[in-house]
Amino acid sequence: MPRSVNKVAAHNRKKKYFRIARGYWGARSKVWTIVKHHVEKGLQYAYRDRRAKKRTFRSLWIVRINAAARANGTTYSRLMFGLKKNNITINRKVLAHLAMHQPEVFAVIVKQAI
C-alpha cells in the first residue's frame, strides 16, 4: 500500500507562504525552509508594529502640540491641564493637526485653555 500524503493541502499552504514572500531578496523568496522562517518572522514584526505605530504617532502628536504650545507662551502639560480643567475635549491627533495646519485656531484654543 502506498504512503499517504497530503499533497493538495501542503502545496496550497506552501503556495500561500511563497505568495507572501514575493519581493524578498534571494533565497528568502525561493527556498521553502528559509521562506517559512522569514514569512513567520515578518508577520510577527507586522503584528508587533501595528501596536508600536500607535505609540509612535501619539508621541509625534505630543511633540507637535508642545512646540506649538511653547510658541503660544505655554507648555504641553499646562495646555493639557487647562483643556481638561475647562472641559475642552479635543484629542491629541486633532490638536496636532490644528497646530501644524491652522496655527491661528490653535492659538484661540490655547487662550481658552489658559
PDB file of N, CA and C in Angstrom:
ATOM      1  N   MET A   1       0.840  -1.186   0.000  1.00  0.00           N
ATOM      2  CA  MET A   1       0.000   0.000   0.000  1.00  0.00           C
ATOM      3  C   MET A   1       0.884   1.248   0.000  1.00  0.00           C
ATOM      4  N   PRO A   2       0.612   2.216  -0.861  1.00  0.00           N
ATOM      5  CA  PRO A   2       1.468   3.393  -0.937  1.00  0.00           C
ATOM      6  C   PRO A   2       1.284   4.310   0.280  1.00  0.00           C
ATOM      7  N   ARG A   3       2.320   5.108   0.497  1.00  0.00           N
ATOM      8  CA  ARG A   3       2.301   6.047   1.608  1.00  0.00           C
ATOM      9  C   ARG A   3       1.300   7.167   1.316  1.00  0.00           C
ATOM     10  N   SER A   4       0.528   7.510   2.321  1.00  0.00           N
ATOM     11  CA  SER A   4      -0.479   8.556   2.149  1.00  0.00           C
ATOM     12  C   SER A   4       0.162   9.921   2.410  1.00  0.00           C
ATOM     13  N   VAL A   5      -0.034  10.828   1.483  1.00  0.00           N
ATOM     14  CA  VAL A   5       0.483  12.177   1.658  1.00  0.00           C
ATOM     15  C   VAL A   5      -0.659  13.175   1.486  1.00  0.00           C
ATOM     16  N   ASN A   6      -0.451  14.348   2.003  1.00  0.00           N
ATOM     17  CA  ASN A   6      -1.483  15.382   1.962  1.00  0.00           C
ATOM     18  C   ASN A   6      -1.057  16.448   0.959  1.00  0.00           C
ATOM     19  N   LYS A   7      -0.890  16.051  -0.287  1.00  0.00           N
ATOM     20  CA  LYS A   7      -0.257  16.897  -1.293  1.00  0.00           C
ATOM     21  C   LYS A   7      -1.012  18.202  -1.539  1.00  0.00           C
ATOM     22  N   VAL A   8      -2.306  18.156  -1.703  1.00  0.00           N
ATOM     23  CA  VAL A   8      -3.060  19.349  -2.080  1.00  0.00           C
ATOM     24  C   VAL A   8      -2.989  20.406  -0.985  1.00  0.00           C
ATOM     25  N   ALA A   9      -3.259  20.010   0.242  1.00  0.00           N
ATOM     26  CA  ALA A   9      -3.251  20.974   1.345  1.00  0.00           C
ATOM     27  C   ALA A   9      -1.841  21.499   1.593  1.00  0.00           C
ATOM     28  N   ALA A  10      -0.842  20.613   1.542  1.00  0.00           N
ATOM     29  CA  ALA A  10       0.539  21.032   1.774  1.00  0.00           C
ATOM     30  C   ALA A  10       0.989  22.002   0.676  1.00  0.00           C
ATOM     31  N   HIS A  11       0.637  21.700  -0.561  1.00  0.00           N
ATOM     32  CA  HIS A  11       1.017  22.566  -1.671  1.00  0.00           C
ATOM     33  C   HIS A  11       0.355  23.944  -1.539  1.00  0.00           C
ATOM     34  N   ASN A  12      -0.907  23.971  -1.178  1.00  0.00           N
ATOM     35  CA  ASN A  12      -1.612  25.242  -1.014  1.00  0.00           C
ATOM     36  C   ASN A  12      -1.011  26.072   0.121  1.00  0.00           C
ATOM     37  N   ARG A  13      -0.626  25.387   1.207  1.00  0.00           N
ATOM     38  CA  ARG A  13      -0.021  26.078   2.331  1.00  0.00           C
ATOM     39  C   ARG A  13       1.315  26.714   1.915  1.00  0.00           C
ATOM     40  N   LYS A  14       2.130  25.938   1.187  1.00  0.00           N
ATOM     41  CA  LYS A  14       3.414  26.460   0.720  1.00  0.00           C
ATOM     42  C   LYS A  14       3.209  27.612  -0.268  1.00  0.00           C
ATOM     43  N   LYS A  15       2.209  27.465  -1.129  1.00  0.00           N
ATOM     44  CA  LYS A  15       1.935  28.490  -2.125  1.00  0.00           C
ATOM     45  C   LYS A  15       1.577  29.817  -1.439  1.00  0.00           C
ATOM     46  N   LYS A  16       0.820  29.720  -0.349  1.00  0.00           N
ATOM     47  CA  LYS A  16       0.430  30.907   0.402  1.00  0.00           C
ATOM     48  C   LYS A  16       1.673  31.615   0.970  1.00  0.00           C
ATOM     49  N   TYR A  17       2.599  30.838   1.528  1.00  0.00           N
ATOM     50  CA  TYR A  17       3.824  31.411   2.067  1.00  0.00           C
ATOM     51  C   TYR A  17       4.669  32.047   0.968  1.00  0.00           C
ATOM     52  N   PHE A  18       4.801  31.353  -0.171  1.00  0.00           N
ATOM     53  CA  PHE A  18       5.600  31.895  -1.270  1.00  0.00           C
ATOM     54  C   PHE A  18       4.974  33.172  -1.830  1.00  0.00           C
ATOM     55  N   ARG A  19       3.657  33.247  -1.823  1.00  0.00           N
ATOM     56  CA  ARG A  19       2.984  34.450  -2.297  1.00  0.00           C
ATOM     57  C   ARG A  19       3.317  35.625  -1.372  1.00  0.00           C
ATOM     58  N   ILE A  20       3.335  35.382  -0.070  1.00  0.00           N
ATOM     59  CA  ILE A  20       3.679  36.433   0.885  1.00  0.00           C
ATOM     60  C   ILE A  20       5.142  36.850   0.727  1.00  0.00           C
ATOM     61  N   ALA A  21       6.015  35.871   0.378  1.00  0.00           N
ATOM     62  CA  ALA A  21       7.459  36.123   0.301  1.00  0.00           C
ATOM     63  C   ALA A  21       7.889  36.744  -1.023  1.00  0.00           C
ATOM     64  N   ARG A  22       6.960  36.986  -1.941  1.00  0.00           N
ATOM     65  CA  ARG A  22       7.349  37.629  -3.199  1.00  0.00           C
ATOM     66  C   ARG A  22       7.978  38.973  -2.909  1.00  0.00           C
ATOM     67  N   GLY A  23       9.092  39.263  -3.546  1.00  0.00           N
ATOM     68  CA  GLY A  23       9.780  40.519  -3.322  1.00  0.00           C
ATOM     69  C   GLY A  23      10.876  40.424  -2.285  1.00  0.00           C
ATOM     70  N   TYR A  24      10.925  39.348  -1.511  1.00  0.00           N
ATOM     71  CA  TYR A  24      12.030  39.155  -0.587  1.00  0.00           C
ATOM     72  C   TYR A  24      13.285  38.869  -1.397  1.00  0.00           C
ATOM     73  N   TRP A  25      14.445  39.169  -0.848  1.00  0.00           N
ATOM     74  CA  TRP A  25      15.707  39.078  -1.558  1.00  0.00           C
ATOM     75  C   TRP A  25      16.267  37.652  -1.516  1.00  0.00           C
ATOM     76  N   GLY A  26      16.709  37.168  -2.647  1.00  0.00           N
ATOM     77  CA  GLY A  26      17.443  35.901  -2.732  1.00  0.00           C
ATOM     78  C   GLY A  26      16.653  34.699  -2.268  1.00  0.00           C
ATOM     79  N   ALA A  27      17.313  33.870  -1.459  1.00  0.00           N
ATOM     80  CA  ALA A  27      16.706  32.617  -1.010  1.00  0.00           C
ATOM     81  C   ALA A  27      15.495  32.841  -0.123  1.00  0.00           C
ATOM     82  N   ARG A  28      15.350  34.038   0.389  1.00  0.00           N
ATOM     83  CA  ARG A  28      14.187  34.342   1.243  1.00  0.00           C
ATOM     84  C   ARG A  28      12.878  34.246   0.481  1.00  0.00           C
ATOM     85  N   SER A  29      12.959  34.272  -0.841  1.00  0.00           N
ATOM     86  CA  SER A  29      11.739  34.126  -1.629  1.00  0.00           C
ATOM     87  C   SER A  29      11.741  32.854  -2.471  1.00  0.00           C
ATOM     88  N   LYS A  30      12.787  32.008  -2.334  1.00  0.00           N
ATOM     89  CA  LYS A  30      12.914  30.845  -3.208  1.00  0.00           C
ATOM     90  C   LYS A  30      12.947  29.501  -2.483  1.00  0.00           C
ATOM     91  N   VAL A  31      13.584  29.438  -1.313  1.00  0.00           N
ATOM     92  CA  VAL A  31      13.829  28.175  -0.623  1.00  0.00           C
ATOM     93  C   VAL A  31      12.811  28.017   0.502  1.00  0.00           C
ATOM     94  N   TRP A  32      12.102  26.884   0.485  1.00  0.00           N
ATOM     95  CA  TRP A  32      10.956  26.696   1.376  1.00  0.00           C
ATOM     96  C   TRP A  32      11.297  26.910   2.843  1.00  0.00           C
ATOM     97  N   THR A  33      12.375  26.309   3.355  1.00  0.00           N
ATOM     98  CA  THR A  33      12.668  26.411   4.788  1.00  0.00           C
ATOM     99  C   THR A  33      12.993  27.856   5.166  1.00  0.00           C
ATOM    100  N   ILE A  34      13.684  28.545   4.280  1.00  0.00           N
ATOM    101  CA  ILE A  34      14.041  29.936   4.557  1.00  0.00           C
ATOM    102  C   ILE A  34      12.811  30.840   4.400  1.00  0.00           C
ATOM    103  N   VAL A  35      11.994  30.566   3.389  1.00  0.00           N
ATOM    104  CA  VAL A  35      10.757  31.325   3.186  1.00  0.00           C
ATOM    105  C   VAL A  35       9.876  31.219   4.415  1.00  0.00           C
ATOM    106  N   LYS A  36       9.719  29.999   4.907  1.00  0.00           N
ATOM    107  CA  LYS A  36       8.844  29.778   6.063  1.00  0.00           C
ATOM    108  C   LYS A  36       9.301  30.612   7.259  1.00  0.00           C
ATOM    109  N   HIS A  37      10.607  30.591   7.516  1.00  0.00           N
ATOM    110  CA  HIS A  37      11.139  31.336   8.656  1.00  0.00           C
ATOM    111  C   HIS A  37      10.915  32.842   8.491  1.00  0.00           C
ATOM    112  N   HIS A  38      11.260  33.375   7.321  1.00  0.00           N
ATOM    113  CA  HIS A  38      11.207  34.821   7.141  1.00  0.00           C
ATOM    114  C   HIS A  38       9.778  35.347   7.044  1.00  0.00           C
ATOM    115  N   VAL A  39       8.876  34.566   6.489  1.00  0.00           N
ATOM    116  CA  VAL A  39       7.481  34.998   6.444  1.00  0.00           C
ATOM    117  C   VAL A  39       6.906  35.035   7.855  1.00  0.00           C
ATOM    118  N   GLU A  40       7.163  34.010   8.647  1.00  0.00           N
ATOM    119  CA  GLU A  40       6.637  33.997  10.014  1.00  0.00           C
ATOM    120  C   GLU A  40       7.233  35.127  10.843  1.00  0.00           C
ATOM    121  N   LYS A  41       8.532  35.377  10.675  1.00  0.00           N
ATOM    122  CA  LYS A  41       9.172  36.469  11.410  1.00  0.00           C
ATOM    123  C   LYS A  41       8.602  37.815  10.952  1.00  0.00           C
ATOM    124  N   GLY A  42       8.374  37.957   9.650  1.00  0.00           N
ATOM    125  CA  GLY A  42       7.799  39.195   9.137  1.00  0.00           C
ATOM    126  C   GLY A  42       6.401  39.439   9.660  1.00  0.00           C
ATOM    127  N   LEU A  43       5.613  38.381   9.778  1.00  0.00           N
ATOM    128  CA  LEU A  43       4.265  38.527  10.316  1.00  0.00           C
ATOM    129  C   LEU A  43       4.292  38.893  11.794  1.00  0.00           C
ATOM    130  N   GLN A  44       5.300  38.370  12.528  1.00  0.00           N
ATOM    131  CA  GLN A  44       5.453  38.755  13.931  1.00  0.00           C
ATOM    132  C   GLN A  44       5.769  40.242  14.056  1.00  0.00           C
ATOM    133  N   TYR A  45       6.685  40.704  13.204  1.00  0.00           N
ATOM    134  CA  TYR A  45       7.024  42.129  13.224  1.00  0.00           C
ATOM    135  C   TYR A  45       5.813  42.981  12.862  1.00  0.00           C
ATOM    136  N   ALA A  46       5.040  42.530  11.881  1.00  0.00           N
ATOM    137  CA  ALA A  46       3.863  43.295  11.462  1.00  0.00           C
ATOM    138  C   ALA A  46       2.860  43.407  12.602  1.00  0.00           C
ATOM    139  N   TYR A  47       2.639  42.308  13.320  1.00  0.00           N
ATOM    140  CA  TYR A  47       1.701  42.307  14.454  1.00  0.00           C
ATOM    141  C   TYR A  47       2.187  43.264  15.536  1.00  0.00           C
ATOM    142  N   ARG A  48       3.483  43.154  15.863  1.00  0.00           N
ATOM    143  CA  ARG A  48       4.052  44.000  16.912  1.00  0.00           C
ATOM    144  C   ARG A  48       3.991  45.472  16.529  1.00  0.00           C
ATOM    145  N   ASP A  49       4.355  45.756  15.286  1.00  0.00           N
ATOM    146  CA  ASP A  49       4.493  47.151  14.887  1.00  0.00           C
ATOM    147  C   ASP A  49       3.164  47.830  14.606  1.00  0.00           C
ATOM    148  N   ARG A  50       2.097  47.072  14.417  1.00  0.00           N
ATOM    149  CA  ARG A  50       0.782  47.712  14.346  1.00  0.00           C
ATOM    150  C   ARG A  50       0.451  48.368  15.672  1.00  0.00           C
ATOM    151  N   ARG A  51       0.921  47.788  16.763  1.00  0.00           N
ATOM    152  CA  ARG A  51       0.705  48.401  18.074  1.00  0.00           C
ATOM    153  C   ARG A  51       1.707  49.521  18.324  1.00  0.00           C
ATOM    154  N   ALA A  52       2.961  49.305  17.931  1.00  0.00           N
ATOM    155  CA  ALA A  52       4.002  50.312  18.142  1.00  0.00           C
ATOM    156  C   ALA A  52       3.702  51.581  17.349  1.00  0.00           C
ATOM    157  N   LYS A  53       3.062  51.424  16.199  1.00  0.00           N
ATOM    158  CA  LYS A  53       2.717  52.575  15.359  1.00  0.00           C
ATOM    159  C   LYS A  53       1.828  53.550  16.111  1.00  0.00           C
ATOM    160  N   LYS A  54       0.911  53.044  16.911  1.00  0.00           N
ATOM    161  CA  LYS A  54       0.014  53.899  17.687  1.00  0.00           C
ATOM    162  C   LYS A  54       0.803  54.709  18.711  1.00  0.00           C
ATOM    163  N   ARG A  55       1.774  54.056  19.364  1.00  0.00           N
ATOM    164  CA  ARG A  55       2.608  54.761  20.335  1.00  0.00           C
ATOM    165  C   ARG A  55       3.458  55.828  19.662  1.00  0.00           C
ATOM    166  N   THR A  56       4.007  55.482  18.495  1.00  0.00           N
ATOM    167  CA  THR A  56       4.879  56.411  17.773  1.00  0.00           C
ATOM    168  C   THR A  56       4.114  57.654  17.353  1.00  0.00           C
ATOM    169  N   PHE A  57       2.919  57.466  16.826  1.00  0.00           N
ATOM    170  CA  PHE A  57       2.137  58.619  16.395  1.00  0.00           C
ATOM    171  C   PHE A  57       1.709  59.475  17.578  1.00  0.00           C
ATOM    172  N   ARG A  58       1.343  58.845  18.686  1.00  0.00           N
ATOM    173  CA  ARG A  58       0.957  59.635  19.863  1.00  0.00           C
ATOM    174  C   ARG A  58       2.117  60.513  20.319  1.00  0.00           C
ATOM    175  N   SER A  59       3.331  59.957  20.353  1.00  0.00           N
ATOM    176  CA  SER A  59       4.477  60.767  20.772  1.00  0.00           C
ATOM    177  C   SER A  59       4.767  61.885  19.773  1.00  0.00           C
ATOM    178  N   LEU A  60       4.575  61.620  18.480  1.00  0.00           N
ATOM    179  CA  LEU A  60       4.747  62.661  17.466  1.00  0.00           C
ATOM    180  C   LEU A  60       3.746  63.791  17.679  1.00  0.00           C
ATOM    181  N   TRP A  61       2.486  63.432  17.945  1.00  0.00           N
ATOM    182  CA  TRP A  61       1.463  64.449  18.192  1.00  0.00           C
ATOM    183  C   TRP A  61       1.827  65.302  19.409  1.00  0.00           C
ATOM    184  N   ILE A  62       2.332  64.648  20.452  1.00  0.00           N
ATOM    185  CA  ILE A  62       2.686  65.372  21.675  1.00  0.00           C
ATOM    186  C   ILE A  62       3.823  66.352  21.398  1.00  0.00           C
ATOM    187  N   VAL A  63       4.818  65.933  20.614  1.00  0.00           N
ATOM    188  CA  VAL A  63       5.929  66.827  20.261  1.00  0.00           C
ATOM    189  C   VAL A  63       5.417  68.030  19.484  1.00  0.00           C
ATOM    190  N   ARG A  64       4.529  67.801  18.541  1.00  0.00           N
ATOM    191  CA  ARG A  64       3.992  68.901  17.732  1.00  0.00           C
ATOM    192  C   ARG A  64       3.163  69.866  18.577  1.00  0.00           C
ATOM    193  N   ILE A  65       2.327  69.309  19.465  1.00  0.00           N
ATOM    194  CA  ILE A  65       1.497  70.154  20.332  1.00  0.00           C
ATOM    195  C   ILE A  65       2.388  70.976  21.262  1.00  0.00           C
ATOM    196  N   ASN A  66       3.421  70.349  21.810  1.00  0.00           N
ATOM    197  CA  ASN A  66       4.324  71.051  22.726  1.00  0.00           C
ATOM    198  C   ASN A  66       5.030  72.195  22.012  1.00  0.00           C
ATOM    199  N   ALA A  67       5.500  71.952  20.794  1.00  0.00           N
ATOM    200  CA  ALA A  67       6.187  73.013  20.038  1.00  0.00           C
ATOM    201  C   ALA A  67       5.245  74.186  19.777  1.00  0.00           C
ATOM    202  N   ALA A  68       4.019  73.884  19.379  1.00  0.00           N
ATOM    203  CA  ALA A  68       3.055  74.948  19.099  1.00  0.00           C
ATOM    204  C   ALA A  68       2.629  75.648  20.389  1.00  0.00           C
ATOM    205  N   ALA A  69       2.496  74.890  21.474  1.00  0.00           N
ATOM    206  CA  ALA A  69       2.115  75.494  22.750  1.00  0.00           C
ATOM    207  C   ALA A  69       3.195  76.455  23.228  1.00  0.00           C
ATOM    208  N   ARG A  70       4.453  76.060  23.087  1.00  0.00           N
ATOM    209  CA  ARG A  70       5.556  76.929  23.502  1.00  0.00           C
ATOM    210  C   ARG A  70       5.620  78.190  22.635  1.00  0.00           C
ATOM    211  N   ALA A  71       5.243  78.055  21.368  1.00  0.00           N
ATOM    212  CA  ALA A  71       5.189  79.240  20.506  1.00  0.00           C
ATOM    213  C   ALA A  71       4.085  80.200  20.953  1.00  0.00           C
ATOM    214  N   ASN A  72       3.100  79.659  21.676  1.00  0.00           N
ATOM    215  CA  ASN A  72       1.995  80.477  22.181  1.00  0.00           C
ATOM    216  C   ASN A  72       2.156  80.815  23.664  1.00  0.00           C
ATOM    217  N   GLY A  73       3.346  80.580  24.221  1.00  0.00           N
ATOM    218  CA  GLY A  73       3.638  81.031  25.576  1.00  0.00           C
ATOM    219  C   GLY A  73       3.238  80.096  26.693  1.00  0.00           C
ATOM    220  N   THR A  74       3.079  78.817  26.427  1.00  0.00           N
ATOM    221  CA  THR A  74       2.769  77.856  27.489  1.00  0.00           C
ATOM    222  C   THR A  74       3.510  76.556  27.190  1.00  0.00           C
ATOM    223  N   THR A  75       3.261  75.558  28.007  1.00  0.00           N
ATOM    224  CA  THR A  75       3.882  74.254  27.760  1.00  0.00           C
ATOM    225  C   THR A  75       2.797  73.222  27.486  1.00  0.00           C
ATOM    226  N   TYR A  76       3.227  72.058  27.054  1.00  0.00           N
ATOM    227  CA  TYR A  76       2.290  70.979  26.747  1.00  0.00           C
ATOM    228  C   TYR A  76       1.483  70.587  27.978  1.00  0.00           C
ATOM    229  N   SER A  77       2.169  70.415  29.100  1.00  0.00           N
ATOM    230  CA  SER A  77       1.463  69.932  30.287  1.00  0.00           C
ATOM    231  C   SER A  77       0.470  70.971  30.805  1.00  0.00           C
ATOM    232  N   ARG A  78       0.859  72.249  30.777  1.00  0.00           N
ATOM    233  CA  ARG A  78      -0.079  73.298  31.213  1.00  0.00           C
ATOM    234  C   ARG A  78      -1.271  73.390  30.270  1.00  0.00           C
ATOM    235  N   LEU A  79      -0.997  73.240  28.978  1.00  0.00           N
ATOM    236  CA  LEU A  79      -2.079  73.285  27.995  1.00  0.00           C
ATOM    237  C   LEU A  79      -3.072  72.148  28.219  1.00  0.00           C
ATOM    238  N   MET A  80      -2.560  70.931  28.388  1.00  0.00           N
ATOM    239  CA  MET A  80      -3.452  69.783  28.564  1.00  0.00           C
ATOM    240  C   MET A  80      -4.229  69.890  29.879  1.00  0.00           C
ATOM    241  N   PHE A  81      -3.573  70.406  30.924  1.00  0.00           N
ATOM    242  CA  PHE A  81      -4.272  70.613  32.190  1.00  0.00           C
ATOM    243  C   PHE A  81      -5.379  71.649  32.020  1.00  0.00           C
ATOM    244  N   GLY A  82      -5.083  72.737  31.306  1.00  0.00           N
ATOM    245  CA  GLY A  82      -6.082  73.772  31.071  1.00  0.00           C
ATOM    246  C   GLY A  82      -7.256  73.268  30.246  1.00  0.00           C
ATOM    247  N   LEU A  83      -6.974  72.451  29.239  1.00  0.00           N
ATOM    248  CA  LEU A  83      -8.057  71.887  28.424  1.00  0.00           C
ATOM    249  C   LEU A  83      -8.968  71.008  29.273  1.00  0.00           C
ATOM    250  N   LYS A  84      -8.340  70.181  30.114  1.00  0.00           N
ATOM    251  CA  LYS A  84      -9.128  69.286  30.952  1.00  0.00           C
ATOM    252  C   LYS A  84      -9.944  70.073  31.974  1.00  0.00           C
ATOM    253  N   LYS A  85      -9.326  71.106  32.563  1.00  0.00           N
ATOM    254  CA  LYS A  85      -9.992  71.918  33.580  1.00  0.00           C
ATOM    255  C   LYS A  85     -11.187  72.673  33.002  1.00  0.00           C
ATOM    256  N   ASN A  86     -11.071  73.114  31.758  1.00  0.00           N
ATOM    257  CA  ASN A  86     -12.146  73.876  31.121  1.00  0.00           C
ATOM    258  C   ASN A  86     -13.092  72.997  30.298  1.00  0.00           C
ATOM    259  N   ASN A  87     -12.992  71.703  30.472  1.00  0.00           N
ATOM    260  CA  ASN A  87     -13.862  70.734  29.779  1.00  0.00           C
ATOM    261  C   ASN A  87     -13.834  70.888  28.257  1.00  0.00           C
ATOM    262  N   ILE A  88     -12.648  71.110  27.722  1.00  0.00           N
ATOM    263  CA  ILE A  88     -12.472  71.154  26.270  1.00  0.00           C
ATOM    264  C   ILE A  88     -11.918  69.795  25.861  1.00  0.00           C
ATOM    265  N   THR A  89     -12.732  69.016  25.164  1.00  0.00           N
ATOM    266  CA  THR A  89     -12.306  67.658  24.804  1.00  0.00           C
ATOM    267  C   THR A  89     -11.926  67.603  23.325  1.00  0.00           C
ATOM    268  N   ILE A  90     -10.637  67.798  23.092  1.00  0.00           N
ATOM    269  CA  ILE A  90     -10.073  67.642  21.747  1.00  0.00           C
ATOM    270  C   ILE A  90      -8.921  66.661  21.885  1.00  0.00           C
ATOM    271  N   ASN A  91      -8.939  65.627  21.052  1.00  0.00           N
ATOM    272  CA  ASN A  91      -7.867  64.640  21.193  1.00  0.00           C
ATOM    273  C   ASN A  91      -6.556  65.156  20.611  1.00  0.00           C
ATOM    274  N   ARG A  92      -5.467  64.449  20.932  1.00  0.00           N
ATOM    275  CA  ARG A  92      -4.136  64.906  20.561  1.00  0.00           C
ATOM    276  C   ARG A  92      -3.926  64.919  19.050  1.00  0.00           C
ATOM    277  N   LYS A  93      -4.558  63.989  18.358  1.00  0.00           N
ATOM    278  CA  LYS A  93      -4.412  63.939  16.898  1.00  0.00           C
ATOM    279  C   LYS A  93      -4.958  65.228  16.270  1.00  0.00           C
ATOM    280  N   VAL A  94      -6.127  65.643  16.697  1.00  0.00           N
ATOM    281  CA  VAL A  94      -6.747  66.847  16.151  1.00  0.00           C
ATOM    282  C   VAL A  94      -5.967  68.085  16.578  1.00  0.00           C
ATOM    283  N   LEU A  95      -5.513  68.115  17.840  1.00  0.00           N
ATOM    284  CA  LEU A  95      -4.725  69.258  18.310  1.00  0.00           C
ATOM    285  C   LEU A  95      -3.439  69.404  17.494  1.00  0.00           C
ATOM    286  N   ALA A  96      -2.766  68.298  17.228  1.00  0.00           N
ATOM    287  CA  ALA A  96      -1.534  68.341  16.450  1.00  0.00           C
ATOM    288  C   ALA A  96      -1.812  68.817  15.028  1.00  0.00           C
ATOM    289  N   HIS A  97      -2.929  68.372  14.453  1.00  0.00           N
ATOM    290  CA  HIS A  97      -3.294  68.807  13.111  1.00  0.00           C
ATOM    291  C   HIS A  97      -3.554  70.317  13.088  1.00  0.00           C
ATOM    292  N   LEU A  98      -4.271  70.787  14.087  1.00  0.00           N
ATOM    293  CA  LEU A  98      -4.528  72.223  14.173  1.00  0.00           C
ATOM    294  C   LEU A  98      -3.233  73.009  14.372  1.00  0.00           C
ATOM    295  N   ALA A  99      -2.352  72.484  15.204  1.00  0.00           N
ATOM    296  CA  ALA A  99      -1.086  73.173  15.465  1.00  0.00           C
ATOM    297  C   ALA A  99      -0.239  73.288  14.205  1.00  0.00           C
ATOM    298  N   MET A 100      -0.292  72.259  13.359  1.00  0.00           N
ATOM    299  CA  MET A 100       0.522  72.262  12.136  1.00  0.00           C
ATOM    300  C   MET A 100      -0.119  73.083  11.019  1.00  0.00           C
ATOM    301  N   HIS A 101      -1.417  72.911  10.815  1.00  0.00           N
ATOM    302  CA  HIS A 101      -2.050  73.438   9.612  1.00  0.00           C
ATOM    303  C   HIS A 101      -2.906  74.685   9.837  1.00  0.00           C
ATOM    304  N   GLN A 102      -3.344  74.903  11.085  1.00  0.00           N
ATOM    305  CA  GLN A 102      -4.169  76.078  11.379  1.00  0.00           C
ATOM    306  C   GLN A 102      -3.712  76.700  12.705  1.00  0.00           C
ATOM    307  N   PRO A 103      -2.544  77.331  12.693  1.00  0.00           N
ATOM    308  CA  PRO A 103      -1.999  77.857  13.958  1.00  0.00           C
ATOM    309  C   PRO A 103      -2.858  78.931  14.615  1.00  0.00           C
ATOM    310  N   GLU A 104      -3.629  79.680  13.808  1.00  0.00           N
ATOM    311  CA  GLU A 104      -4.479  80.715  14.411  1.00  0.00           C
ATOM    312  C   GLU A 104      -5.609  80.091  15.217  1.00  0.00           C
ATOM    313  N   VAL A 105      -6.157  78.985  14.743  1.00  0.00           N
ATOM    314  CA  VAL A 105      -7.200  78.269  15.501  1.00  0.00           C
ATOM    315  C   VAL A 105      -6.597  77.667  16.760  1.00  0.00           C
ATOM    316  N   PHE A 106      -5.381  77.121  16.631  1.00  0.00           N
ATOM    317  CA  PHE A 106      -4.701  76.546  17.798  1.00  0.00           C
ATOM    318  C   PHE A 106      -4.455  77.630  18.849  1.00  0.00           C
ATOM    319  N   ALA A 107      -4.095  78.836  18.409  1.00  0.00           N
ATOM    320  CA  ALA A 107      -3.850  79.935  19.347  1.00  0.00           C
ATOM    321  C   ALA A 107      -5.111  80.294  20.119  1.00  0.00           C
ATOM    322  N   VAL A 108      -6.256  80.242  19.454  1.00  0.00           N
ATOM    323  CA  VAL A 108      -7.534  80.517  20.130  1.00  0.00           C
ATOM    324  C   VAL A 108      -7.810  79.452  21.190  1.00  0.00           C
ATOM    325  N   ILE A 109      -7.538  78.204  20.853  1.00  0.00           N
ATOM    326  CA  ILE A 109      -7.749  77.108  21.810  1.00  0.00           C
ATOM    327  C   ILE A 109      -6.832  77.285  23.012  1.00  0.00           C
ATOM    328  N   VAL A 110      -5.585  77.678  22.767  1.00  0.00           N
ATOM    329  CA  VAL A 110      -4.630  77.889  23.872  1.00  0.00           C
ATOM    330  C   VAL A 110      -5.137  79.004  24.789  1.00  0.00           C
ATOM    331  N   LYS A 111      -5.630  80.072  24.205  1.00  0.00           N
ATOM    332  CA  LYS A 111      -6.131  81.187  25.026  1.00  0.00           C
ATOM    333  C   LYS A 111      -7.325  80.765  25.886  1.00  0.00           C
ATOM    334  N   GLN A 112      -8.186  79.912  25.327  1.00  0.00           N
ATOM    335  CA  GLN A 112      -9.330  79.423  26.115  1.00  0.00           C
ATOM    336  C   GLN A 112      -8.881  78.467  27.221  1.00  0.00           C
ATOM    337  N   ALA A 113      -7.828  77.727  26.978  1.00  0.00           N
ATOM    338  CA  ALA A 113      -7.384  76.732  27.954  1.00  0.00           C
ATOM    339  C   ALA A 113      -6.638  77.356  29.125  1.00  0.00           C
ATOM    340  N   ILE A 114      -5.943  78.452  28.867  1.00  0.00           N
ATOM    341  CA  ILE A 114      -5.126  79.055  29.933  1.00  0.00           C
ATOM    342  C   ILE A 114      -5.962  79.954  30.821  1.00  0.00           C
TER     343      ILE A 114
END
